[in-house]
C-alpha cells in the first residue's frame, strides 16, 4: 500500500508539474499577444496623431494666407485693429 500511495503521489506531482508548465506556456503566449496588440494600438495612435498634425498645419497655412490677403486688401483696417488690440492689452496688463 505504501508503494502504491508513493506512486500515486509521484503521478500526481508529475501531472501537477505538467499542468503548471502548460499554464506557464499559455501565459507567455498571452503576454506576447498583449504585447503585439499594444504595439499595434500605439502605431494606430501615432498614425492618427500625425494625421491630425498635418490637418492642423494645413489649417494654419490656410488661415495665414487669409490673413495676408486681408492685410493687403485692407491695410488701414488692419492697422486700426492692431492699434485697438494693443491698447486693450496694455490696459489689461497695466492694471494693478
PDB file of N, CA and C in Angstrom:
ATOM      1  N   UNK A   1       0.796  -1.182   0.000  1.00  0.00           N
ATOM      2  CA  UNK A   1       0.000   0.000   0.000  1.00  0.00           C
ATOM      3  C   UNK A   1       0.847   1.257   0.000  1.00  0.00           C
ATOM      4  N   UNK A   2       1.938   1.211   0.743  1.00  0.00           N
ATOM      5  CA  UNK A   2       2.806   2.377   0.808  1.00  0.00           C
ATOM      6  C   UNK A   2       3.419   2.657  -0.550  1.00  0.00           C
ATOM      7  N   UNK A   3       3.734   1.600  -1.289  1.00  0.00           N
ATOM      8  CA  UNK A   3       4.331   1.768  -2.611  1.00  0.00           C
ATOM      9  C   UNK A   3       3.322   2.370  -3.576  1.00  0.00           C
ATOM     10  N   UNK A   4       2.058   1.926  -3.480  1.00  0.00           N
ATOM     11  CA  UNK A   4       1.034   2.454  -4.389  1.00  0.00           C
ATOM     12  C   UNK A   4       0.697   3.899  -4.046  1.00  0.00           C
ATOM     13  N   UNK A   5       0.740   4.245  -2.753  1.00  0.00           N
ATOM     14  CA  UNK A   5       0.492   5.616  -2.326  1.00  0.00           C
ATOM     15  C   UNK A   5       1.625   6.528  -2.806  1.00  0.00           C
ATOM     16  N   UNK A   6       2.855   6.072  -2.689  1.00  0.00           N
ATOM     17  CA  UNK A   6       4.005   6.857  -3.149  1.00  0.00           C
ATOM     18  C   UNK A   6       3.943   7.045  -4.661  1.00  0.00           C
ATOM     19  N   UNK A   7       3.571   5.964  -5.368  1.00  0.00           N
ATOM     20  CA  UNK A   7       3.484   6.053  -6.828  1.00  0.00           C
ATOM     21  C   UNK A   7       2.367   7.020  -7.237  1.00  0.00           C
ATOM     22  N   UNK A   8       1.253   7.000  -6.499  1.00  0.00           N
ATOM     23  CA  UNK A   8       0.130   7.895  -6.785  1.00  0.00           C
ATOM     24  C   UNK A   8       0.551   9.353  -6.574  1.00  0.00           C
ATOM     25  N   UNK A   9       1.333   9.580  -5.512  1.00  0.00           N
ATOM     26  CA  UNK A   9       1.810  10.949  -5.242  1.00  0.00           C
ATOM     27  C   UNK A   9       2.758  11.411  -6.351  1.00  0.00           C
ATOM     28  N   UNK A  10       3.625  10.510  -6.798  1.00  0.00           N
ATOM     29  CA  UNK A  10       4.557  10.858  -7.867  1.00  0.00           C
ATOM     30  C   UNK A  10       3.801  11.183  -9.152  1.00  0.00           C
ATOM     31  N   UNK A  11       2.786  10.381  -9.459  1.00  0.00           N
ATOM     32  CA  UNK A  11       1.985  10.640 -10.649  1.00  0.00           C
ATOM     33  C   UNK A  11       1.236  11.964 -10.520  1.00  0.00           C
ATOM     34  N   UNK A  12       0.726  12.227  -9.320  1.00  0.00           N
ATOM     35  CA  UNK A  12       0.012  13.478  -9.066  1.00  0.00           C
ATOM     36  C   UNK A  12       0.957  14.672  -9.196  1.00  0.00           C
ATOM     37  N   UNK A  13       2.177  14.532  -8.670  1.00  0.00           N
ATOM     38  CA  UNK A  13       3.177  15.603  -8.771  1.00  0.00           C
ATOM     39  C   UNK A  13       3.564  15.834 -10.230  1.00  0.00           C
ATOM     40  N   UNK A  14       3.739  14.741 -10.978  1.00  0.00           N
ATOM     41  CA  UNK A  14       4.094  14.854 -12.390  1.00  0.00           C
ATOM     42  C   UNK A  14       2.974  15.547 -13.169  1.00  0.00           C
ATOM     43  N   UNK A  15       1.722  15.162 -12.875  1.00  0.00           N
ATOM     44  CA  UNK A  15       0.582  15.786 -13.545  1.00  0.00           C
ATOM     45  C   UNK A  15       0.475  17.259 -13.167  1.00  0.00           C
ATOM     46  N   UNK A  16       0.703  17.572 -11.906  1.00  0.00           N
ATOM     47  CA  UNK A  16       0.663  18.962 -11.453  1.00  0.00           C
ATOM     48  C   UNK A  16       1.759  19.788 -12.120  1.00  0.00           C
ATOM     49  N   UNK A  17       2.954  19.196 -12.190  1.00  0.00           N
ATOM     50  CA  UNK A  17       4.075  19.885 -12.823  1.00  0.00           C
ATOM     51  C   UNK A  17       3.767  20.153 -14.297  1.00  0.00           C
ATOM     52  N   UNK A  18       3.200  19.162 -14.964  1.00  0.00           N
ATOM     53  CA  UNK A  18       2.850  19.313 -16.370  1.00  0.00           C
ATOM     54  C   UNK A  18       1.783  20.396 -16.551  1.00  0.00           C
ATOM     55  N   UNK A  19       0.799  20.432 -15.654  1.00  0.00           N
ATOM     56  CA  UNK A  19      -0.257  21.444 -15.721  1.00  0.00           C
ATOM     57  C   UNK A  19       0.316  22.846 -15.503  1.00  0.00           C
ATOM     58  N   UNK A  20       1.237  22.978 -14.551  1.00  0.00           N
ATOM     59  CA  UNK A  20       1.858  24.279 -14.280  1.00  0.00           C
ATOM     60  C   UNK A  20       2.676  24.735 -15.485  1.00  0.00           C
ATOM     61  N   UNK A  21       3.460  23.830 -16.065  1.00  0.00           N
ATOM     62  CA  UNK A  21       4.252  24.183 -17.242  1.00  0.00           C
ATOM     63  C   UNK A  21       3.358  24.573 -18.416  1.00  0.00           C
ATOM     64  N   UNK A  22       2.253  23.885 -18.591  1.00  0.00           N
ATOM     65  CA  UNK A  22       1.311  24.217 -19.656  1.00  0.00           C
ATOM     66  C   UNK A  22       0.692  25.601 -19.424  1.00  0.00           C
ATOM     67  N   UNK A  23       0.301  25.859 -18.182  1.00  0.00           N
ATOM     68  CA  UNK A  23      -0.270  27.169 -17.852  1.00  0.00           C
ATOM     69  C   UNK A  23       0.765  28.272 -18.059  1.00  0.00           C
ATOM     70  N   UNK A  24       2.009  28.006 -17.694  1.00  0.00           N
ATOM     71  CA  UNK A  24       3.079  28.992 -17.871  1.00  0.00           C
ATOM     72  C   UNK A  24       3.300  29.287 -19.363  1.00  0.00           C
ATOM     73  N   UNK A  25       3.291  28.241 -20.194  1.00  0.00           N
ATOM     74  CA  UNK A  25       3.440  28.433 -21.635  1.00  0.00           C
ATOM     75  C   UNK A  25       2.298  29.283 -22.198  1.00  0.00           C
ATOM     76  N   UNK A  26       1.085  29.011 -21.747  1.00  0.00           N
ATOM     77  CA  UNK A  26      -0.065  29.793 -22.208  1.00  0.00           C
ATOM     78  C   UNK A  26       0.022  31.236 -21.727  1.00  0.00           C
ATOM     79  N   UNK A  27       0.533  31.446 -20.528  1.00  0.00           N
ATOM     80  CA  UNK A  27       0.724  32.797 -20.009  1.00  0.00           C
ATOM     81  C   UNK A  27       1.738  33.561 -20.856  1.00  0.00           C
ATOM     82  N   UNK A  28       2.829  32.914 -21.224  1.00  0.00           N
ATOM     83  CA  UNK A  28       3.830  33.558 -22.076  1.00  0.00           C
ATOM     84  C   UNK A  28       3.247  33.886 -23.452  1.00  0.00           C
ATOM     85  N   UNK A  29       2.439  32.971 -23.968  1.00  0.00           N
ATOM     86  CA  UNK A  29       1.800  33.208 -25.263  1.00  0.00           C
ATOM     87  C   UNK A  29       0.834  34.400 -25.172  1.00  0.00           C
ATOM     88  N   UNK A  30       0.056  34.461 -24.104  1.00  0.00           N
ATOM     89  CA  UNK A  30      -0.870  35.574 -23.907  1.00  0.00           C
ATOM     90  C   UNK A  30      -0.109  36.887 -23.763  1.00  0.00           C
ATOM     91  N   UNK A  31       1.010  36.844 -23.053  1.00  0.00           N
ATOM     92  CA  UNK A  31       1.836  38.046 -22.893  1.00  0.00           C
ATOM     93  C   UNK A  31       2.300  38.553 -24.251  1.00  0.00           C
ATOM     94  N   UNK A  32       2.711  37.659 -25.118  1.00  0.00           N
ATOM     95  CA  UNK A  32       3.167  38.035 -26.458  1.00  0.00           C
ATOM     96  C   UNK A  32       2.022  38.638 -27.269  1.00  0.00           C
ATOM     97  N   UNK A  33       0.821  38.060 -27.138  1.00  0.00           N
ATOM     98  CA  UNK A  33      -0.340  38.612 -27.852  1.00  0.00           C
ATOM     99  C   UNK A  33      -0.666  40.016 -27.349  1.00  0.00           C
ATOM    100  N   UNK A  34      -0.630  40.214 -26.038  1.00  0.00           N
ATOM    101  CA  UNK A  34      -0.896  41.541 -25.482  1.00  0.00           C
ATOM    102  C   UNK A  34       0.158  42.544 -25.945  1.00  0.00           C
ATOM    103  N   UNK A  35       1.400  42.099 -25.993  1.00  0.00           N
ATOM    104  CA  UNK A  35       2.483  42.984 -26.440  1.00  0.00           C
ATOM    105  C   UNK A  35       2.248  43.414 -27.883  1.00  0.00           C
ATOM    106  N   UNK A  36       1.907  42.472 -28.739  1.00  0.00           N
ATOM    107  CA  UNK A  36       1.649  42.793 -30.149  1.00  0.00           C
ATOM    108  C   UNK A  36       0.442  43.719 -30.301  1.00  0.00           C
ATOM    109  N   UNK A  37      -0.595  43.476 -29.502  1.00  0.00           N
ATOM    110  CA  UNK A  37      -1.782  44.330 -29.562  1.00  0.00           C
ATOM    111  C   UNK A  37      -1.458  45.749 -29.109  1.00  0.00           C
ATOM    112  N   UNK A  38      -0.660  45.863 -28.061  1.00  0.00           N
ATOM    113  CA  UNK A  38      -0.276  47.186 -27.566  1.00  0.00           C
ATOM    114  C   UNK A  38       0.569  47.927 -28.595  1.00  0.00           C
ATOM    115  N   UNK A  39       1.478  47.224 -29.247  1.00  0.00           N
ATOM    116  CA  UNK A  39       2.297  47.850 -30.275  1.00  0.00           C
ATOM    117  C   UNK A  39       1.434  48.307 -31.439  1.00  0.00           C
ATOM    118  N   UNK A  40       0.471  47.487 -31.832  1.00  0.00           N
ATOM    119  CA  UNK A  40      -0.418  47.855 -32.936  1.00  0.00           C
ATOM    120  C   UNK A  40      -1.253  49.072 -32.560  1.00  0.00           C
ATOM    121  N   UNK A  41      -1.742  49.120 -31.330  1.00  0.00           N
ATOM    122  CA  UNK A  41      -2.523  50.269 -30.875  1.00  0.00           C
ATOM    123  C   UNK A  41      -1.658  51.519 -30.851  1.00  0.00           C
ATOM    124  N   UNK A  42      -0.422  51.373 -30.434  1.00  0.00           N
ATOM    125  CA  UNK A  42       0.490  52.514 -30.415  1.00  0.00           C
ATOM    126  C   UNK A  42       0.740  53.046 -31.804  1.00  0.00           C
ATOM    127  N   UNK A  43       0.871  52.169 -32.764  1.00  0.00           N
ATOM    128  CA  UNK A  43       1.072  52.591 -34.150  1.00  0.00           C
ATOM    129  C   UNK A  43      -0.171  53.308 -34.648  1.00  0.00           C
ATOM    130  N   UNK A  44      -1.352  52.774 -34.318  1.00  0.00           N
ATOM    131  CA  UNK A  44      -2.588  53.423 -34.730  1.00  0.00           C
ATOM    132  C   UNK A  44      -2.685  54.826 -34.145  1.00  0.00           C
ATOM    133  N   UNK A  45      -2.363  54.976 -32.875  1.00  0.00           N
ATOM    134  CA  UNK A  45      -2.422  56.282 -32.224  1.00  0.00           C
ATOM    135  C   UNK A  45      -1.397  57.224 -32.851  1.00  0.00           C
ATOM    136  N   UNK A  46      -0.215  56.720 -33.128  1.00  0.00           N
ATOM    137  CA  UNK A  46       0.824  57.543 -33.734  1.00  0.00           C
ATOM    138  C   UNK A  46       0.385  58.015 -35.118  1.00  0.00           C
ATOM    139  N   UNK A  47      -0.182  57.118 -35.920  1.00  0.00           N
ATOM    140  CA  UNK A  47      -0.655  57.496 -37.247  1.00  0.00           C
ATOM    141  C   UNK A  47      -1.762  58.540 -37.159  1.00  0.00           C
ATOM    142  N   UNK A  48      -2.670  58.360 -36.212  1.00  0.00           N
ATOM    143  CA  UNK A  48      -3.764  59.308 -36.037  1.00  0.00           C
ATOM    144  C   UNK A  48      -3.239  60.677 -35.601  1.00  0.00           C
ATOM    145  N   UNK A  49      -2.276  60.696 -34.698  1.00  0.00           N
ATOM    146  CA  UNK A  49      -1.691  61.959 -34.241  1.00  0.00           C
ATOM    147  C   UNK A  49      -0.975  62.665 -35.389  1.00  0.00           C
ATOM    148  N   UNK A  50      -0.272  61.920 -36.213  1.00  0.00           N
ATOM    149  CA  UNK A  50       0.417  62.509 -37.362  1.00  0.00           C
ATOM    150  C   UNK A  50      -0.592  63.106 -38.340  1.00  0.00           C
ATOM    151  N   UNK A  51      -1.682  62.390 -38.559  1.00  0.00           N
ATOM    152  CA  UNK A  51      -2.725  62.891 -39.453  1.00  0.00           C
ATOM    153  C   UNK A  51      -3.323  64.191 -38.919  1.00  0.00           C
ATOM    154  N   UNK A  52      -3.597  64.242 -37.615  1.00  0.00           N
ATOM    155  CA  UNK A  52      -4.147  65.457 -37.008  1.00  0.00           C
ATOM    156  C   UNK A  52      -3.154  66.611 -37.095  1.00  0.00           C
ATOM    157  N   UNK A  53      -1.877  66.313 -36.909  1.00  0.00           N
ATOM    158  CA  UNK A  53      -0.845  67.339 -37.015  1.00  0.00           C
ATOM    159  C   UNK A  53      -0.808  67.916 -38.422  1.00  0.00           C
ATOM    160  N   UNK A  54      -0.888  67.064 -39.425  1.00  0.00           N
ATOM    161  CA  UNK A  54      -0.886  67.537 -40.811  1.00  0.00           C
ATOM    162  C   UNK A  54      -2.126  68.371 -41.123  1.00  0.00           C
ATOM    163  N   UNK A  55      -3.276  67.961 -40.595  1.00  0.00           N
ATOM    164  CA  UNK A  55      -4.502  68.750 -40.786  1.00  0.00           C
ATOM    165  C   UNK A  55      -4.371  70.115 -40.119  1.00  0.00           C
ATOM    166  N   UNK A  56      -3.813  70.136 -38.908  1.00  0.00           N
ATOM    167  CA  UNK A  56      -3.615  71.395 -38.198  1.00  0.00           C
ATOM    168  C   UNK A  56      -2.651  72.311 -38.931  1.00  0.00           C
ATOM    169  N   UNK A  57      -1.595  71.733 -39.467  1.00  0.00           N
ATOM    170  CA  UNK A  57      -0.614  72.527 -40.215  1.00  0.00           C
ATOM    171  C   UNK A  57      -1.263  73.130 -41.461  1.00  0.00           C
ATOM    172  N   UNK A  58      -2.068  72.345 -42.167  1.00  0.00           N
ATOM    173  CA  UNK A  58      -2.750  72.836 -43.365  1.00  0.00           C
ATOM    174  C   UNK A  58      -3.714  73.966 -43.015  1.00  0.00           C
ATOM    175  N   UNK A  59      -4.441  73.806 -41.919  1.00  0.00           N
ATOM    176  CA  UNK A  59      -5.396  74.832 -41.490  1.00  0.00           C
ATOM    177  C   UNK A  59      -4.657  76.113 -41.100  1.00  0.00           C
ATOM    178  N   UNK A  60      -3.513  75.991 -40.429  1.00  0.00           N
ATOM    179  CA  UNK A  60      -2.722  77.156 -40.049  1.00  0.00           C
ATOM    180  C   UNK A  60      -2.223  77.897 -41.280  1.00  0.00           C
ATOM    181  N   UNK A  61      -1.746  77.157 -42.264  1.00  0.00           N
ATOM    182  CA  UNK A  61      -1.286  77.787 -43.503  1.00  0.00           C
ATOM    183  C   UNK A  61      -2.430  78.502 -44.208  1.00  0.00           C
ATOM    184  N   UNK A  62      -3.613  77.876 -44.229  1.00  0.00           N
ATOM    185  CA  UNK A  62      -4.780  78.485 -44.862  1.00  0.00           C
ATOM    186  C   UNK A  62      -5.162  79.784 -44.165  1.00  0.00           C
ATOM    187  N   UNK A  63      -5.192  79.765 -42.820  1.00  0.00           N
ATOM    188  CA  UNK A  63      -5.539  80.975 -42.071  1.00  0.00           C
ATOM    189  C   UNK A  63      -4.480  82.061 -42.254  1.00  0.00           C
ATOM    190  N   UNK A  64      -3.220  81.673 -42.335  1.00  0.00           N
ATOM    191  CA  UNK A  64      -2.143  82.640 -42.576  1.00  0.00           C
ATOM    192  C   UNK A  64      -2.288  83.309 -43.934  1.00  0.00           C
ATOM    193  N   UNK A  65      -2.665  82.522 -44.943  1.00  0.00           N
ATOM    194  CA  UNK A  65      -2.885  83.086 -46.274  1.00  0.00           C
ATOM    195  C   UNK A  65      -4.072  84.050 -46.272  1.00  0.00           C
ATOM    196  N   UNK A  66      -5.139  83.686 -45.559  1.00  0.00           N
ATOM    197  CA  UNK A  66      -6.308  84.567 -45.476  1.00  0.00           C
ATOM    198  C   UNK A  66      -5.952  85.871 -44.777  1.00  0.00           C
ATOM    199  N   UNK A  67      -5.139  85.773 -43.718  1.00  0.00           N
ATOM    200  CA  UNK A  67      -4.720  86.988 -43.009  1.00  0.00           C
ATOM    201  C   UNK A  67      -3.855  87.861 -43.914  1.00  0.00           C
ATOM    202  N   UNK A  68      -2.967  87.257 -44.676  1.00  0.00           N
ATOM    203  CA  UNK A  68      -2.104  88.022 -45.581  1.00  0.00           C
ATOM    204  C   UNK A  68      -2.932  88.745 -46.638  1.00  0.00           C
ATOM    205  N   UNK A  69      -3.948  88.058 -47.177  1.00  0.00           N
ATOM    206  CA  UNK A  69      -4.826  88.675 -48.173  1.00  0.00           C
ATOM    207  C   UNK A  69      -5.576  89.842 -47.547  1.00  0.00           C
ATOM    208  N   UNK A  70      -6.104  89.655 -46.344  1.00  0.00           N
ATOM    209  CA  UNK A  70      -6.842  90.721 -45.660  1.00  0.00           C
ATOM    210  C   UNK A  70      -5.942  91.926 -45.403  1.00  0.00           C
ATOM    211  N   UNK A  71      -4.702  91.673 -44.980  1.00  0.00           N
ATOM    212  CA  UNK A  71      -3.765  92.765 -44.705  1.00  0.00           C
ATOM    213  C   UNK A  71      -3.466  93.536 -45.983  1.00  0.00           C
ATOM    214  N   UNK A  72      -3.279  92.848 -47.113  1.00  0.00           N
ATOM    215  CA  UNK A  72      -3.002  93.530 -48.386  1.00  0.00           C
ATOM    216  C   UNK A  72      -4.213  94.303 -48.890  1.00  0.00           C
ATOM    217  N   UNK A  73      -5.407  93.743 -48.709  1.00  0.00           N
ATOM    218  CA  UNK A  73      -6.616  94.382 -49.228  1.00  0.00           C
ATOM    219  C   UNK A  73      -7.077  95.548 -48.358  1.00  0.00           C
ATOM    220  N   UNK A  74      -6.879  95.457 -47.048  1.00  0.00           N
ATOM    221  CA  UNK A  74      -7.392  96.479 -46.129  1.00  0.00           C
ATOM    222  C   UNK A  74      -6.312  96.870 -45.118  1.00  0.00           C
ATOM    223  N   UNK A  75      -5.297  97.613 -45.555  1.00  0.00           N
ATOM    224  CA  UNK A  75      -4.209  97.957 -44.632  1.00  0.00           C
ATOM    225  C   UNK A  75      -4.646  98.901 -43.511  1.00  0.00           C
ATOM    226  N   UNK A  76      -5.550  99.828 -43.768  1.00  0.00           N
ATOM    227  CA  UNK A  76      -5.984 100.756 -42.714  1.00  0.00           C
ATOM    228  C   UNK A  76      -6.814 100.031 -41.652  1.00  0.00           C
ATOM    229  N   UNK A  77      -7.681  99.140 -42.081  1.00  0.00           N
ATOM    230  CA  UNK A  77      -8.485  98.378 -41.114  1.00  0.00           C
ATOM    231  C   UNK A  77      -7.567  97.500 -40.268  1.00  0.00           C
ATOM    232  N   UNK A  78      -6.555  96.914 -40.900  1.00  0.00           N
ATOM    233  CA  UNK A  78      -5.597  96.084 -40.170  1.00  0.00           C
ATOM    234  C   UNK A  78      -4.853  96.903 -39.133  1.00  0.00           C
ATOM    235  N   UNK A  79      -4.423  98.107 -39.539  1.00  0.00           N
ATOM    236  CA  UNK A  79      -3.711  98.989 -38.615  1.00  0.00           C
ATOM    237  C   UNK A  79      -4.608  99.388 -37.445  1.00  0.00           C
ATOM    238  N   UNK A  80      -5.885  99.662 -37.736  1.00  0.00           N
ATOM    239  CA  UNK A  80      -6.831 100.033 -36.682  1.00  0.00           C
ATOM    240  C   UNK A  80      -7.065  98.887 -35.703  1.00  0.00           C
ATOM    241  N   UNK A  81      -7.237  97.684 -36.231  1.00  0.00           N
ATOM    242  CA  UNK A  81      -7.452  96.517 -35.366  1.00  0.00           C
ATOM    243  C   UNK A  81      -6.221  96.274 -34.501  1.00  0.00           C
ATOM    244  N   UNK A  82      -5.033  96.393 -35.094  1.00  0.00           N
ATOM    245  CA  UNK A  82      -3.795  96.187 -34.330  1.00  0.00           C
ATOM    246  C   UNK A  82      -3.657  97.230 -33.234  1.00  0.00           C
ATOM    247  N   UNK A  83      -4.007  98.483 -33.535  1.00  0.00           N
ATOM    248  CA  UNK A  83      -3.917  99.557 -32.534  1.00  0.00           C
ATOM    249  C   UNK A  83      -4.878  99.299 -31.375  1.00  0.00           C
ATOM    250  N   UNK A  84      -6.121  98.955 -31.710  1.00  0.00           N
ATOM    251  CA  UNK A  84      -7.125  98.707 -30.659  1.00  0.00           C
ATOM    252  C   UNK A  84      -6.729  97.498 -29.811  1.00  0.00           C
ATOM    253  N   UNK A  85      -6.264  96.435 -30.442  1.00  0.00           N
ATOM    254  CA  UNK A  85      -5.851  95.248 -29.693  1.00  0.00           C
ATOM    255  C   UNK A  85      -4.671  95.570 -28.781  1.00  0.00           C
ATOM    256  N   UNK A  86      -3.713  96.342 -29.278  1.00  0.00           N
ATOM    257  CA  UNK A  86      -2.572  96.749 -28.460  1.00  0.00           C
ATOM    258  C   UNK A  86      -2.997  97.605 -27.281  1.00  0.00           C
ATOM    259  N   UNK A  87      -3.926  98.530 -27.515  1.00  0.00           N
ATOM    260  CA  UNK A  87      -4.411  99.396 -26.447  1.00  0.00           C
ATOM    261  C   UNK A  87      -5.117  98.580 -25.359  1.00  0.00           C
ATOM    262  N   UNK A  88      -5.977  97.662 -25.792  1.00  0.00           N
ATOM    263  CA  UNK A  88      -6.705  96.830 -24.821  1.00  0.00           C
ATOM    264  C   UNK A  88      -5.732  95.977 -24.011  1.00  0.00           C
ATOM    265  N   UNK A  89      -4.772  95.358 -24.677  1.00  0.00           N
ATOM    266  CA  UNK A  89      -3.789  94.539 -23.953  1.00  0.00           C
ATOM    267  C   UNK A  89      -2.962  95.369 -22.986  1.00  0.00           C
ATOM    268  N   UNK A  90      -2.589  96.584 -23.381  1.00  0.00           N
ATOM    269  CA  UNK A  90      -1.800  97.425 -22.467  1.00  0.00           C
ATOM    270  C   UNK A  90      -2.625  97.811 -21.246  1.00  0.00           C
ATOM    271  N   UNK A  91      -3.930  98.052 -21.427  1.00  0.00           N
ATOM    272  CA  UNK A  91      -4.794  98.384 -20.300  1.00  0.00           C
ATOM    273  C   UNK A  91      -4.975  97.188 -19.359  1.00  0.00           C
ATOM    274  N   UNK A  92      -5.112  96.023 -19.926  1.00  0.00           N
ATOM    275  CA  UNK A  92      -5.315  94.816 -19.124  1.00  0.00           C
ATOM    276  C   UNK A  92      -4.057  94.514 -18.293  1.00  0.00           C
ATOM    277  N   UNK A  93      -2.900  94.604 -18.911  1.00  0.00           N
ATOM    278  CA  UNK A  93      -1.669  94.233 -18.209  1.00  0.00           C
ATOM    279  C   UNK A  93      -1.096  95.349 -17.351  1.00  0.00           C
ATOM    280  N   UNK A  94      -1.542  96.577 -17.542  1.00  0.00           N
ATOM    281  CA  UNK A  94      -1.007  97.664 -16.715  1.00  0.00           C
ATOM    282  C   UNK A  94      -1.796  97.863 -15.426  1.00  0.00           C
ATOM    283  N   UNK A  95      -2.954  97.279 -15.315  1.00  0.00           N
ATOM    284  CA  UNK A  95      -3.765  97.422 -14.090  1.00  0.00           C
ATOM    285  C   UNK A  95      -3.137  96.618 -12.952  1.00  0.00           C
ATOM    286  N   UNK A  96      -3.146  97.251 -11.800  1.00  0.00           N
ATOM    287  CA  UNK A  96      -2.541  96.583 -10.646  1.00  0.00           C
ATOM    288  C   UNK A  96      -3.572  96.246  -9.609  1.00  0.00           C
TER     289      UNK A  96
END
